[in-house]
Amino acid sequence: MTDHTFAIDPENYGLPSRDELVELRIWDLHYHGLGRHNEVMPYFERMGVERVFSLDVARLTSGGESLSAAEAEENAKENLELLEQERDRMSGMFRIDPTRVDTTLELIEKLIENGPCVGIKTGTWLDEPITVAHPNYDPIVRKLAELEAIIYIHSGFMVGGDPRTYYGGTRVGEAHPGHVAELASRFPDVPIICGHQGADWELGIRAIRPHKNVLMEFSGMDPESGAVDFAVKELGADRLVWGCHAPSRSFSNELSKVYDSEMTKTERKLIFGENLRRISASIHRRKGISVEI
């Protein structure tokens, strides 16, 4: 039996109890723990997380070398088997290669249309020659939209360069929210998730604000008081989704971003799970997984 007790009494520190966390029905969009799954998952159970989305089920590269769709599927065999075993609490997504559209479409057919996965994550190579604003993404997004799959875009305004600019440190193929906005404008009816809050959250939020089909996820970045408040004010609580980024980030880091914010319990429930359940319900039902929004 899993030990659900905390090392400290949450009530003494103004923190939520496990029962309160369970009531929120947390869905975590950003899980990197497949390589240590049995070690990491007890912590998710203790925190009352209802479902996690693994972003690393498969990829079209290995050791820097490109793989065929069949090779990528074969390399992911153990992860796909684990995904089937954990279908009651884990959903699977995989990395694509937009420089090889036909191969990407073939892997989408194998793993989403005819397999257990529910979506994709961009960013196989952050220094690949194209971002999500490139036309190569159009046939990929059209296919994903047909399947009602989840589209997660790694994005960030990375300060750097000479002279230094707000995006000068962003790598060649690393999308920033401006690129996400360009893609979203071509597919205004397709839900798209802009990941990592764009690193610079004020710029990122403003970049996607006009595009109602874009949701923002804010995992991985340092917790800054006011960031989520600003996102709720500018976008609305129905356009935010939550990810922990575990095991490279902690629950304290990611939960604090929401609990620090001045919002209602209803808004917290939207962000912690309801929004993600809403946009992923159809693809889960295609997989025989019932979703109560």
Protein backbone atom coordinates (compact mmCIF):
# COMPACT_ATOMS: atom_id res chain seq x y z
CA MET A 1 0.00 0.00 0.00
CA THR A 2 1.32 3.46 -0.93
CA ASP A 3 2.10 5.76 2.00
CA HIS A 4 0.13 8.94 1.41
CA THR A 5 1.30 10.74 4.55
CA PHE A 6 3.30 13.97 4.28
CA ALA A 7 6.47 14.62 6.29
CA ILE A 8 4.77 17.71 7.76
CA ASP A 9 1.18 18.53 8.56
CA PRO A 10 0.08 20.71 5.62
CA GLU A 11 -2.52 22.50 7.75
CA ASN A 12 0.20 23.91 10.01
CA TYR A 13 1.77 25.67 7.04
CA GLY A 14 -1.34 26.79 5.17
CA LEU A 15 -0.84 24.11 2.54
CA PRO A 16 -3.49 21.90 0.92
CA SER A 17 -4.08 18.43 2.33
CA ARG A 18 -4.03 15.37 0.09
CA ASP A 19 -7.83 15.21 0.25
CA GLU A 20 -8.00 18.79 -1.02
CA LEU A 21 -5.58 17.97 -3.85
CA VAL A 22 -7.62 14.89 -4.81
CA GLU A 23 -10.75 17.05 -4.93
CA LEU A 24 -9.05 19.29 -7.53
CA ARG A 25 -8.74 16.29 -9.90
CA ILE A 26 -5.23 17.21 -11.05
CA TRP A 27 -4.17 16.26 -14.57
CA ASP A 28 -0.45 16.78 -15.16
CA LEU A 29 0.41 17.60 -18.78
CA HIS A 30 4.19 17.48 -18.35
CA TYR A 31 5.71 14.20 -17.15
CA HIS A 32 9.32 13.19 -17.94
CA GLY A 33 9.55 10.21 -15.63
CA LEU A 34 9.26 7.14 -17.88
CA GLY A 35 12.85 6.11 -17.25
CA ARG A 36 12.19 6.06 -13.48
CA HIS A 37 8.46 5.43 -13.58
CA ASN A 38 8.14 2.97 -10.68
CA GLU A 39 10.31 5.21 -8.53
CA VAL A 40 8.54 8.47 -9.39
CA MET A 41 4.86 7.52 -9.54
CA PRO A 42 4.40 6.98 -5.77
CA TYR A 43 4.97 10.72 -5.35
CA PHE A 44 2.17 11.45 -7.82
CA GLU A 45 -0.07 9.10 -5.87
CA ARG A 46 0.80 10.82 -2.61
CA MET A 47 -0.04 14.19 -4.16
CA GLY A 48 -3.37 12.88 -5.43
CA VAL A 49 -2.62 13.42 -9.15
CA GLU A 50 -5.34 11.75 -11.21
CA ARG A 51 -3.58 11.44 -14.60
CA VAL A 52 -0.16 12.24 -16.07
CA PHE A 53 0.80 12.86 -19.69
CA SER A 54 4.19 11.44 -20.64
CA LEU A 55 5.84 13.50 -23.38
CA ASP A 56 8.59 10.96 -24.10
CA VAL A 57 6.88 7.79 -25.31
CA ALA A 58 8.71 7.87 -28.66
CA ARG A 59 10.90 10.07 -30.83
CA LEU A 60 12.13 10.11 -34.40
CA THR A 61 15.79 10.41 -33.43
CA SER A 62 18.25 8.30 -31.46
CA GLY A 63 21.76 9.43 -30.60
CA GLY A 64 21.36 12.29 -33.02
CA GLU A 65 20.45 9.97 -35.89
CA SER A 66 17.12 10.10 -37.72
CA LEU A 67 14.84 7.07 -37.41
CA SER A 68 12.10 5.76 -39.65
CA ALA A 69 8.61 5.62 -38.20
CA ALA A 70 8.92 1.83 -37.89
CA GLU A 71 12.27 2.15 -36.06
CA ALA A 72 10.84 4.79 -33.72
CA GLU A 73 7.89 2.53 -32.93
CA GLU A 74 10.21 -0.43 -32.28
CA ASN A 75 12.46 1.66 -30.01
CA ALA A 76 9.38 2.73 -28.06
CA LYS A 77 8.08 -0.80 -27.55
CA GLU A 78 8.65 -0.89 -23.78
CA ASN A 79 7.16 2.58 -23.31
CA LEU A 80 4.11 1.64 -25.37
CA GLU A 81 3.62 -1.50 -23.29
CA LEU A 82 3.91 0.54 -20.08
CA LEU A 83 1.41 3.03 -21.48
CA GLU A 84 -1.11 0.23 -22.04
CA GLN A 85 -0.52 -1.11 -18.53
CA GLU A 86 -0.96 2.36 -16.99
CA ARG A 87 -3.88 3.51 -19.17
CA ASP A 88 -6.00 4.28 -16.10
CA ARG A 89 -3.57 7.00 -14.97
CA MET A 90 -1.16 7.82 -17.80
CA SER A 91 -1.56 9.19 -21.33
CA GLY A 92 1.18 9.15 -23.94
CA MET A 93 2.63 11.75 -26.29
CA PHE A 94 5.72 11.68 -28.50
CA ARG A 95 8.28 13.93 -30.20
CA ILE A 96 7.95 14.69 -33.91
CA ASP A 97 10.43 15.78 -36.58
CA PRO A 98 8.87 18.57 -38.70
CA THR A 99 11.79 18.45 -41.14
CA ARG A 100 10.44 15.04 -42.24
CA VAL A 101 6.73 15.55 -42.71
CA ASP A 102 5.91 12.18 -44.29
CA THR A 103 7.77 10.27 -41.58
CA THR A 104 6.05 12.33 -38.87
CA LEU A 105 2.64 11.65 -40.43
CA GLU A 106 3.45 7.94 -40.57
CA LEU A 107 4.36 7.90 -36.87
CA ILE A 108 1.16 9.79 -36.02
CA GLU A 109 -0.78 7.12 -37.91
CA LYS A 110 1.03 4.33 -36.06
CA LEU A 111 0.94 5.71 -32.53
CA ILE A 112 -2.16 7.93 -32.40
CA GLU A 113 -4.57 6.81 -35.11
CA ASN A 114 -3.81 3.10 -34.61
CA GLY A 115 -1.98 3.16 -31.28
CA PRO A 116 -2.39 4.25 -27.65
CA CYS A 117 -0.97 7.79 -27.80
CA VAL A 118 -3.09 10.94 -27.57
CA GLY A 119 -0.81 13.69 -28.88
CA ILE A 120 2.58 15.11 -29.83
CA LYS A 121 5.24 17.42 -28.43
CA THR A 122 7.45 19.57 -30.60
CA GLY A 123 11.14 19.96 -29.94
CA THR A 124 12.96 16.79 -31.06
CA TRP A 125 15.84 19.09 -31.97
CA LEU A 126 15.79 22.63 -30.62
CA ASP A 127 18.39 23.54 -33.25
CA GLU A 128 16.49 22.00 -36.16
CA PRO A 129 16.16 24.50 -39.03
CA ILE A 130 12.44 25.28 -38.67
CA THR A 131 10.00 26.39 -35.98
CA VAL A 132 6.26 25.78 -35.68
CA ALA A 133 5.66 28.88 -37.84
CA HIS A 134 7.03 26.96 -40.84
CA PRO A 135 4.53 25.62 -43.46
CA ASN A 136 5.83 22.07 -42.82
CA TYR A 137 3.63 22.09 -39.74
CA ASP A 138 0.42 22.61 -41.71
CA PRO A 139 -0.15 18.98 -42.88
CA ILE A 140 0.94 17.74 -39.44
CA VAL A 141 -1.57 19.97 -37.63
CA ARG A 142 -4.32 19.05 -40.10
CA LYS A 143 -3.80 15.35 -39.36
CA LEU A 144 -3.68 15.91 -35.60
CA ALA A 145 -6.84 18.01 -35.79
CA GLU A 146 -8.60 15.24 -37.69
CA LEU A 147 -7.75 12.86 -34.83
CA GLU A 148 -8.57 15.52 -32.17
CA ALA A 149 -5.13 14.91 -30.70
CA ILE A 150 -3.22 17.11 -28.24
CA ILE A 151 -0.67 19.52 -29.73
CA TYR A 152 1.98 20.66 -27.23
CA ILE A 153 4.58 23.20 -28.37
CA HIS A 154 7.82 23.75 -26.47
CA SER A 155 8.25 27.53 -26.52
CA GLY A 156 10.25 30.30 -24.96
CA PHE A 157 11.51 33.85 -25.34
CA MET A 158 15.16 33.25 -24.42
CA VAL A 159 17.10 36.46 -23.82
CA GLY A 160 20.55 36.51 -25.43
CA GLY A 161 22.54 37.22 -28.53
CA ASP A 162 24.74 40.16 -29.47
CA PRO A 163 23.19 42.64 -29.15
CA ARG A 164 20.98 41.07 -26.48
CA THR A 165 17.29 40.82 -27.33
CA TYR A 166 14.27 39.16 -25.76
CA TYR A 167 14.59 36.21 -28.17
CA GLY A 168 18.29 36.30 -29.11
CA GLY A 169 19.04 33.25 -26.99
CA THR A 170 16.24 31.17 -28.50
CA ARG A 171 17.76 28.34 -30.51
CA VAL A 172 17.15 28.09 -34.25
CA GLY A 173 14.27 25.63 -34.12
CA GLU A 174 13.00 26.58 -30.66
CA ALA A 175 9.59 28.21 -31.03
CA HIS A 176 8.72 31.30 -29.06
CA PRO A 177 5.08 32.31 -28.43
CA GLY A 178 5.17 34.58 -31.47
CA HIS A 179 5.74 31.51 -33.63
CA VAL A 180 2.90 29.72 -31.82
CA ALA A 181 0.66 32.68 -32.60
CA GLU A 182 1.56 32.44 -36.31
CA LEU A 183 0.62 28.76 -36.40
CA ALA A 184 -2.56 29.37 -34.40
CA SER A 185 -3.68 32.06 -36.83
CA ARG A 186 -3.63 29.48 -39.65
CA PHE A 187 -5.67 26.99 -37.60
CA PRO A 188 -8.05 29.10 -35.50
CA ASP A 189 -10.32 26.16 -34.65
CA VAL A 190 -7.57 23.79 -33.48
CA PRO A 191 -6.59 23.79 -29.77
CA ILE A 192 -2.84 24.36 -29.38
CA ILE A 193 -0.88 24.41 -26.13
CA CYS A 194 1.92 26.95 -25.75
CA GLY A 195 4.32 25.34 -23.29
CA HIS A 196 6.49 26.82 -20.56
CA GLN A 197 4.60 30.13 -20.45
CA GLY A 198 6.98 31.39 -23.11
CA ALA A 199 9.74 31.73 -20.47
CA ASP A 200 9.18 35.50 -20.29
CA TRP A 201 5.60 35.29 -19.16
CA GLU A 202 4.55 38.88 -19.85
CA LEU A 203 5.71 38.70 -23.46
CA GLY A 204 4.46 35.15 -23.93
CA ILE A 205 0.97 35.85 -22.64
CA ARG A 206 0.62 38.96 -24.77
CA ALA A 207 1.81 37.14 -27.90
CA ILE A 208 -0.89 34.46 -27.73
CA ARG A 209 -3.65 36.58 -26.18
CA PRO A 210 -5.54 37.30 -29.46
CA HIS A 211 -5.67 33.62 -30.40
CA LYS A 212 -8.53 32.02 -28.48
CA ASN A 213 -7.51 28.51 -29.60
CA VAL A 214 -4.17 28.72 -27.77
CA LEU A 215 -3.93 27.51 -24.19
CA MET A 216 -0.90 28.25 -22.04
CA GLU A 217 1.01 25.79 -19.86
CA PHE A 218 3.53 27.16 -17.39
CA SER A 219 5.72 24.28 -16.26
CA GLY A 220 9.48 24.32 -15.91
CA MET A 221 10.01 28.02 -15.33
CA ASP A 222 10.86 29.40 -11.89
CA PRO A 223 7.82 30.36 -9.79
CA GLU A 224 7.29 34.12 -9.95
CA SER A 225 4.54 35.68 -7.90
CA GLY A 226 2.00 37.38 -10.13
CA ALA A 227 2.69 35.37 -13.28
CA VAL A 228 -0.39 33.16 -13.13
CA ASP A 229 -2.53 36.07 -11.89
CA PHE A 230 -1.46 37.99 -15.00
CA ALA A 231 -2.25 34.99 -17.23
CA VAL A 232 -5.74 34.62 -15.74
CA LYS A 233 -6.38 38.35 -16.15
CA GLU A 234 -5.23 38.45 -19.78
CA LEU A 235 -6.33 35.03 -21.05
CA GLY A 236 -8.94 33.76 -18.60
CA ALA A 237 -8.66 30.70 -16.38
CA ASP A 238 -10.20 28.55 -19.12
CA ARG A 239 -7.04 28.97 -21.24
CA LEU A 240 -4.50 27.65 -18.73
CA VAL A 241 -3.37 24.06 -18.18
CA TRP A 242 -1.03 22.70 -15.53
CA GLY A 243 2.12 20.62 -15.75
CA CYS A 244 4.57 19.57 -13.07
CA HIS A 245 7.61 18.79 -15.28
CA ALA A 246 8.57 16.06 -12.79
CA PRO A 247 11.00 14.64 -11.95
CA SER A 248 13.17 17.60 -13.02
CA ARG A 249 10.82 20.01 -11.22
CA SER A 250 9.04 19.63 -7.91
CA PHE A 251 5.41 19.73 -6.83
CA SER A 252 6.22 22.61 -4.49
CA ASN A 253 7.60 24.60 -7.44
CA GLU A 254 4.65 24.00 -9.73
CA LEU A 255 1.74 23.90 -7.26
CA SER A 256 2.92 27.16 -5.70
CA LYS A 257 2.36 29.01 -8.98
CA VAL A 258 -1.38 28.35 -8.73
CA TYR A 259 -1.74 28.52 -4.95
CA ASP A 260 0.10 31.85 -4.82
CA SER A 261 -2.45 33.33 -7.22
CA GLU A 262 -5.61 35.08 -6.13
CA MET A 263 -8.30 32.99 -7.77
CA THR A 264 -11.41 31.07 -6.88
CA LYS A 265 -11.55 27.35 -6.24
CA THR A 266 -13.50 26.98 -9.50
CA GLU A 267 -10.66 28.67 -11.40
CA ARG A 268 -8.09 26.42 -9.73
CA LYS A 269 -10.06 23.37 -10.80
CA LEU A 270 -10.10 24.61 -14.39
CA ILE A 271 -6.34 25.06 -14.43
CA PHE A 272 -5.42 21.90 -12.54
CA GLY A 273 -7.42 19.58 -14.76
CA GLU A 274 -10.76 20.57 -16.18
CA ASN A 275 -9.38 22.48 -19.18
CA LEU A 276 -7.09 19.60 -20.14
CA ARG A 277 -9.90 17.09 -19.74
CA ARG A 278 -12.08 19.24 -21.99
CA ILE A 279 -9.64 19.41 -24.90
CA SER A 280 -8.49 15.79 -24.58
CA ALA A 281 -11.82 14.08 -23.91
CA SER A 282 -12.45 13.14 -27.54
CA ILE A 283 -9.05 11.56 -28.21
CA HIS A 284 -9.22 9.65 -24.92
CA ARG A 285 -12.66 8.31 -25.80
CA ARG A 286 -11.22 7.13 -29.13
CA LYS A 287 -8.84 5.04 -27.02
CA GLY A 288 -11.69 3.64 -24.94
CA ILE A 289 -10.85 5.83 -21.94
CA SER A 290 -13.89 7.49 -20.42
CA VAL A 291 -13.35 11.10 -19.35
CA GLU A 292 -15.65 12.82 -16.89
CA ILE A 293 -15.00 16.52 -17.40
